[in-house]
Amino acid sequence: MTRTKALERLALATPTDRRAEVAKAVEKLIAEQDPFVRKAAVKTLAVWGAKEQIPALGQALTHNDVFTRKAAIEALATFKEEQQAGDLIAKRLPEGAERGDASKALQAMGPVGQTAALKYMKHTEWTVRLEVCNILKVVGTQQCLKALQAAAAQDQNGIVRMAAGEAAQIAATRK
């Protein structure tokens, strides 16, 4: 059985009491030259990994292979309670090719996604600010209301102002 196939099977398995041991062994494979092994390792860490693997998955976010980065975004999104994971995903919002994947992942993370996305509410690129509004339409709560209202009133871009206003109305209904 190839390493890729073994990792793919492991990703479908239910973690056992050897979870930490398996995750540590799989983590090393993120640096593998073979892109299929590397991607399978990242996906396996989404199932077997713990918060100790978040830094390694963060390194995968900067890999030159787009499929590795995409898999890392998805894997990090499984750590819904870990702000560090959300913050690493949010760093990909300025990257046009990964913005949609990062947005989807942050939306899936709920409160962690909200906190991470808010850090980019004043980004220099209007497309990033617009994506933050899109994220906050889904996960925003009253906690982000002040930032959204400010953007709705003062953002330089009309599209962002409109999206921020819509997101603020929706966020105002959530606690």
C-alpha atoms as a PDB file:
ATOM      1  CA  MET A   1       0.000   0.000   0.000  1.00  0.00           C
ATOM      2  CA  THR A   2       1.361   3.422  -0.876  1.00  0.00           C
ATOM      3  CA  ARG A   3       1.810   6.125   1.724  1.00  0.00           C
ATOM      4  CA  THR A   4      -0.893   8.192   0.061  1.00  0.00           C
ATOM      5  CA  LYS A   5      -3.415   5.350   0.232  1.00  0.00           C
ATOM      6  CA  ALA A   6      -2.456   4.618   3.841  1.00  0.00           C
ATOM      7  CA  LEU A   7      -2.975   8.261   4.794  1.00  0.00           C
ATOM      8  CA  GLU A   8      -6.296   8.397   2.951  1.00  0.00           C
ATOM      9  CA  ARG A   9      -7.502   5.331   4.865  1.00  0.00           C
ATOM     10  CA  LEU A  10      -6.262   6.800   8.121  1.00  0.00           C
ATOM     11  CA  ALA A  11      -8.179  10.013   7.421  1.00  0.00           C
ATOM     12  CA  LEU A  12     -11.373   7.938   7.227  1.00  0.00           C
ATOM     13  CA  ALA A  13     -10.665   6.072  10.465  1.00  0.00           C
ATOM     14  CA  THR A  14     -11.902   7.031  13.893  1.00  0.00           C
ATOM     15  CA  PRO A  15      -9.070   8.313  16.089  1.00  0.00           C
ATOM     16  CA  THR A  16      -8.021   6.006  18.902  1.00  0.00           C
ATOM     17  CA  ASP A  17      -6.114   6.431  22.132  1.00  0.00           C
ATOM     18  CA  ARG A  18      -2.960   6.569  19.975  1.00  0.00           C
ATOM     19  CA  ARG A  19      -4.149   9.834  18.420  1.00  0.00           C
ATOM     20  CA  ALA A  20      -1.198  11.947  19.601  1.00  0.00           C
ATOM     21  CA  GLU A  21       1.331   9.380  18.388  1.00  0.00           C
ATOM     22  CA  VAL A  22      -0.318   9.107  14.968  1.00  0.00           C
ATOM     23  CA  ALA A  23      -0.654  12.874  14.599  1.00  0.00           C
ATOM     24  CA  LYS A  24       3.005  13.417  15.430  1.00  0.00           C
ATOM     25  CA  ALA A  25       4.079  10.857  12.810  1.00  0.00           C
ATOM     26  CA  VAL A  26       1.734  12.262  10.156  1.00  0.00           C
ATOM     27  CA  GLU A  27       2.803  15.841  10.901  1.00  0.00           C
ATOM     28  CA  LYS A  28       6.290  15.067   9.594  1.00  0.00           C
ATOM     29  CA  LEU A  29       4.816  14.151   6.214  1.00  0.00           C
ATOM     30  CA  ILE A  30       3.588  17.708   5.613  1.00  0.00           C
ATOM     31  CA  ALA A  31       7.121  18.525   4.475  1.00  0.00           C
ATOM     32  CA  GLU A  32       7.124  15.626   1.998  1.00  0.00           C
ATOM     33  CA  GLN A  33       8.178  16.369  -1.590  1.00  0.00           C
ATOM     34  CA  ASP A  34       5.438  14.178  -3.073  1.00  0.00           C
ATOM     35  CA  PRO A  35       2.392  16.471  -3.378  1.00  0.00           C
ATOM     36  CA  PHE A  36      -0.072  13.598  -3.013  1.00  0.00           C
ATOM     37  CA  VAL A  37       1.507  12.395   0.225  1.00  0.00           C
ATOM     38  CA  ARG A  38       1.721  15.970   1.518  1.00  0.00           C
ATOM     39  CA  LYS A  39      -1.951  16.722   0.770  1.00  0.00           C
ATOM     40  CA  ALA A  40      -3.081  13.396   2.266  1.00  0.00           C
ATOM     41  CA  ALA A  41      -1.049  14.119   5.407  1.00  0.00           C
ATOM     42  CA  VAL A  42      -2.712  17.506   5.811  1.00  0.00           C
ATOM     43  CA  LYS A  43      -6.156  15.951   5.382  1.00  0.00           C
ATOM     44  CA  THR A  44      -5.313  13.225   7.891  1.00  0.00           C
ATOM     45  CA  LEU A  45      -4.334  15.833  10.478  1.00  0.00           C
ATOM     46  CA  ALA A  46      -7.813  17.320  10.150  1.00  0.00           C
ATOM     47  CA  VAL A  47      -9.060  14.072  11.706  1.00  0.00           C
ATOM     48  CA  TRP A  48      -6.191  12.910  13.924  1.00  0.00           C
ATOM     49  CA  GLY A  49      -4.539  16.213  14.788  1.00  0.00           C
ATOM     50  CA  ALA A  50      -4.852  18.321  17.903  1.00  0.00           C
ATOM     51  CA  LYS A  51      -4.023  21.931  18.640  1.00  0.00           C
ATOM     52  CA  GLU A  52      -0.349  20.932  18.769  1.00  0.00           C
ATOM     53  CA  GLN A  53      -0.482  20.387  14.992  1.00  0.00           C
ATOM     54  CA  ILE A  54      -1.901  23.851  14.218  1.00  0.00           C
ATOM     55  CA  PRO A  55       1.560  25.419  13.701  1.00  0.00           C
ATOM     56  CA  ALA A  56       2.514  22.679  11.219  1.00  0.00           C
ATOM     57  CA  LEU A  57      -0.744  23.196   9.339  1.00  0.00           C
ATOM     58  CA  GLY A  58       0.017  26.917   9.388  1.00  0.00           C
ATOM     59  CA  GLN A  59       3.315  26.182   7.650  1.00  0.00           C
ATOM     60  CA  ALA A  60       1.397  24.243   4.994  1.00  0.00           C
ATOM     61  CA  LEU A  61      -0.594  27.433   4.317  1.00  0.00           C
ATOM     62  CA  THR A  62       2.549  29.026   2.925  1.00  0.00           C
ATOM     63  CA  HIS A  63       3.585  26.119   0.710  1.00  0.00           C
ATOM     64  CA  ASN A  64       4.038  26.944  -2.973  1.00  0.00           C
ATOM     65  CA  ASP A  65       1.569  24.196  -3.956  1.00  0.00           C
ATOM     66  CA  VAL A  66      -1.978  25.568  -4.132  1.00  0.00           C
ATOM     67  CA  PHE A  67      -3.531  22.176  -3.337  1.00  0.00           C
ATOM     68  CA  THR A  68      -1.500  21.915  -0.141  1.00  0.00           C
ATOM     69  CA  ARG A  69      -2.631  25.397   0.903  1.00  0.00           C
ATOM     70  CA  LYS A  70      -6.257  24.568   0.099  1.00  0.00           C
ATOM     71  CA  ALA A  71      -6.083  21.338   2.129  1.00  0.00           C
ATOM     72  CA  ALA A  72      -4.466  23.223   5.020  1.00  0.00           C
ATOM     73  CA  ILE A  73      -7.297  25.781   5.085  1.00  0.00           C
ATOM     74  CA  GLU A  74      -9.838  22.960   5.233  1.00  0.00           C
ATOM     75  CA  ALA A  75      -7.871  21.120   7.915  1.00  0.00           C
ATOM     76  CA  LEU A  76      -7.484  24.209  10.091  1.00  0.00           C
ATOM     77  CA  ALA A  77     -11.222  24.874   9.862  1.00  0.00           C
ATOM     78  CA  THR A  78     -11.836  21.635  11.768  1.00  0.00           C
ATOM     79  CA  PHE A  79     -10.257  23.263  14.842  1.00  0.00           C
ATOM     80  CA  LYS A  80     -13.404  25.338  15.448  1.00  0.00           C
ATOM     81  CA  GLU A  81     -12.526  26.239  19.040  1.00  0.00           C
ATOM     82  CA  GLU A  82      -8.949  27.328  18.368  1.00  0.00           C
ATOM     83  CA  GLN A  83      -8.457  31.033  17.671  1.00  0.00           C
ATOM     84  CA  GLN A  84      -4.935  30.344  16.420  1.00  0.00           C
ATOM     85  CA  ALA A  85      -6.404  28.244  13.594  1.00  0.00           C
ATOM     86  CA  GLY A  86      -8.885  30.971  12.662  1.00  0.00           C
ATOM     87  CA  ASP A  87      -6.172  33.610  12.663  1.00  0.00           C
ATOM     88  CA  LEU A  88      -3.983  31.524  10.358  1.00  0.00           C
ATOM     89  CA  ILE A  89      -6.857  31.036   7.923  1.00  0.00           C
ATOM     90  CA  ALA A  90      -7.707  34.754   8.001  1.00  0.00           C
ATOM     91  CA  LYS A  91      -4.161  35.558   6.876  1.00  0.00           C
ATOM     92  CA  ARG A  92      -5.130  34.025   3.528  1.00  0.00           C
ATOM     93  CA  LEU A  93      -7.973  36.523   2.935  1.00  0.00           C
ATOM     94  CA  PRO A  94      -5.691  38.951   1.056  1.00  0.00           C
ATOM     95  CA  GLU A  95      -4.698  36.138  -1.328  1.00  0.00           C
ATOM     96  CA  GLY A  96      -7.238  36.305  -4.148  1.00  0.00           C
ATOM     97  CA  ALA A  97      -6.866  32.655  -5.151  1.00  0.00           C
ATOM     98  CA  GLU A  98      -7.560  31.485  -1.594  1.00  0.00           C
ATOM     99  CA  ARG A  99      -9.993  34.144  -0.409  1.00  0.00           C
ATOM    100  CA  GLY A 100     -13.092  32.073  -1.144  1.00  0.00           C
ATOM    101  CA  ASP A 101     -11.726  29.004   0.635  1.00  0.00           C
ATOM    102  CA  ALA A 102     -10.612  31.079   3.615  1.00  0.00           C
ATOM    103  CA  SER A 103     -14.006  32.799   3.765  1.00  0.00           C
ATOM    104  CA  LYS A 104     -15.888  29.503   3.685  1.00  0.00           C
ATOM    105  CA  ALA A 105     -13.631  28.080   6.404  1.00  0.00           C
ATOM    106  CA  LEU A 106     -14.033  31.113   8.668  1.00  0.00           C
ATOM    107  CA  GLN A 107     -17.799  30.996   8.232  1.00  0.00           C
ATOM    108  CA  ALA A 108     -17.755  27.335   9.292  1.00  0.00           C
ATOM    109  CA  MET A 109     -15.774  28.240  12.416  1.00  0.00           C
ATOM    110  CA  GLY A 110     -18.456  30.491  13.875  1.00  0.00           C
ATOM    111  CA  PRO A 111     -17.266  32.771  16.712  1.00  0.00           C
ATOM    112  CA  VAL A 112     -13.596  32.015  16.043  1.00  0.00           C
ATOM    113  CA  GLY A 113     -14.147  32.991  12.395  1.00  0.00           C
ATOM    114  CA  GLN A 114     -15.793  36.242  13.431  1.00  0.00           C
ATOM    115  CA  THR A 115     -12.877  37.251  15.641  1.00  0.00           C
ATOM    116  CA  ALA A 116     -10.310  36.332  12.993  1.00  0.00           C
ATOM    117  CA  ALA A 117     -12.138  38.097  10.144  1.00  0.00           C
ATOM    118  CA  LEU A 118     -12.673  41.303  12.124  1.00  0.00           C
ATOM    119  CA  LYS A 119      -8.906  41.866  12.154  1.00  0.00           C
ATOM    120  CA  TYR A 120      -9.145  42.484   8.386  1.00  0.00           C
ATOM    121  CA  MET A 121     -12.072  44.929   8.490  1.00  0.00           C
ATOM    122  CA  LYS A 122      -9.716  47.838   7.763  1.00  0.00           C
ATOM    123  CA  HIS A 123      -7.503  46.094   5.201  1.00  0.00           C
ATOM    124  CA  THR A 124      -6.199  48.327   2.409  1.00  0.00           C
ATOM    125  CA  GLU A 125      -7.833  46.221  -0.330  1.00  0.00           C
ATOM    126  CA  TRP A 126     -11.561  46.762  -0.649  1.00  0.00           C
ATOM    127  CA  THR A 127     -12.089  43.199  -1.878  1.00  0.00           C
ATOM    128  CA  VAL A 128     -10.725  41.879   1.426  1.00  0.00           C
ATOM    129  CA  ARG A 129     -13.014  44.206   3.398  1.00  0.00           C
ATOM    130  CA  LEU A 130     -15.944  43.051   1.272  1.00  0.00           C
ATOM    131  CA  GLU A 131     -15.140  39.416   2.016  1.00  0.00           C
ATOM    132  CA  VAL A 132     -14.971  40.211   5.721  1.00  0.00           C
ATOM    133  CA  CYS A 133     -18.502  41.625   5.443  1.00  0.00           C
ATOM    134  CA  ASN A 134     -19.612  38.451   3.683  1.00  0.00           C
ATOM    135  CA  ILE A 135     -18.143  36.354   6.491  1.00  0.00           C
ATOM    136  CA  LEU A 136     -19.792  38.510   9.136  1.00  0.00           C
ATOM    137  CA  LYS A 137     -23.175  38.209   7.411  1.00  0.00           C
ATOM    138  CA  VAL A 138     -22.954  34.521   8.264  1.00  0.00           C
ATOM    139  CA  VAL A 139     -21.201  34.479  11.668  1.00  0.00           C
ATOM    140  CA  GLY A 140     -21.357  38.068  12.882  1.00  0.00           C
ATOM    141  CA  THR A 141     -22.911  38.866  16.233  1.00  0.00           C
ATOM    142  CA  GLN A 142     -23.473  42.055  18.185  1.00  0.00           C
ATOM    143  CA  GLN A 143     -19.786  41.824  19.064  1.00  0.00           C
ATOM    144  CA  CYS A 144     -18.848  42.994  15.560  1.00  0.00           C
ATOM    145  CA  LEU A 145     -21.669  45.505  15.199  1.00  0.00           C
ATOM    146  CA  LYS A 146     -19.589  48.597  15.954  1.00  0.00           C
ATOM    147  CA  ALA A 147     -16.987  47.724  13.286  1.00  0.00           C
ATOM    148  CA  LEU A 148     -19.672  46.959  10.707  1.00  0.00           C
ATOM    149  CA  GLN A 149     -21.563  50.165  11.420  1.00  0.00           C
ATOM    150  CA  ALA A 150     -18.352  52.171  11.084  1.00  0.00           C
ATOM    151  CA  ALA A 151     -17.618  50.530   7.737  1.00  0.00           C
ATOM    152  CA  ALA A 152     -21.207  51.098   6.587  1.00  0.00           C
ATOM    153  CA  ALA A 153     -20.831  54.801   7.338  1.00  0.00           C
ATOM    154  CA  GLN A 154     -17.215  55.503   6.408  1.00  0.00           C
ATOM    155  CA  ASP A 155     -15.684  52.914   4.075  1.00  0.00           C
ATOM    156  CA  GLN A 156     -14.228  54.476   0.926  1.00  0.00           C
ATOM    157  CA  ASN A 157     -15.858  51.846  -1.276  1.00  0.00           C
ATOM    158  CA  GLY A 158     -19.601  51.945  -1.872  1.00  0.00           C
ATOM    159  CA  ILE A 159     -19.898  48.199  -2.325  1.00  0.00           C
ATOM    160  CA  VAL A 160     -18.192  47.611   1.011  1.00  0.00           C
ATOM    161  CA  ARG A 161     -20.420  50.237   2.683  1.00  0.00           C
ATOM    162  CA  MET A 162     -23.521  48.465   1.380  1.00  0.00           C
ATOM    163  CA  ALA A 163     -22.276  44.986   2.388  1.00  0.00           C
ATOM    164  CA  ALA A 164     -21.284  46.260   5.834  1.00  0.00           C
ATOM    165  CA  GLY A 165     -24.732  47.754   6.313  1.00  0.00           C
ATOM    166  CA  GLU A 166     -26.390  44.461   5.367  1.00  0.00           C
ATOM    167  CA  ALA A 167     -24.062  42.503   7.640  1.00  0.00           C
ATOM    168  CA  ALA A 168     -24.711  44.941  10.501  1.00  0.00           C
ATOM    169  CA  GLN A 169     -28.483  44.440  10.190  1.00  0.00           C
ATOM    170  CA  ILE A 170     -28.077  40.685  10.326  1.00  0.00           C
ATOM    171  CA  ALA A 171     -25.464  40.727  13.104  1.00  0.00           C
ATOM    172  CA  ALA A 172     -27.678  42.956  15.231  1.00  0.00           C
ATOM    173  CA  THR A 173     -30.178  40.087  15.473  1.00  0.00           C
ATOM    174  CA  ARG A 174     -27.616  37.658  16.934  1.00  0.00           C
ATOM    175  CA  LYS A 175     -26.125  37.515  20.397  1.00  0.00           C
END
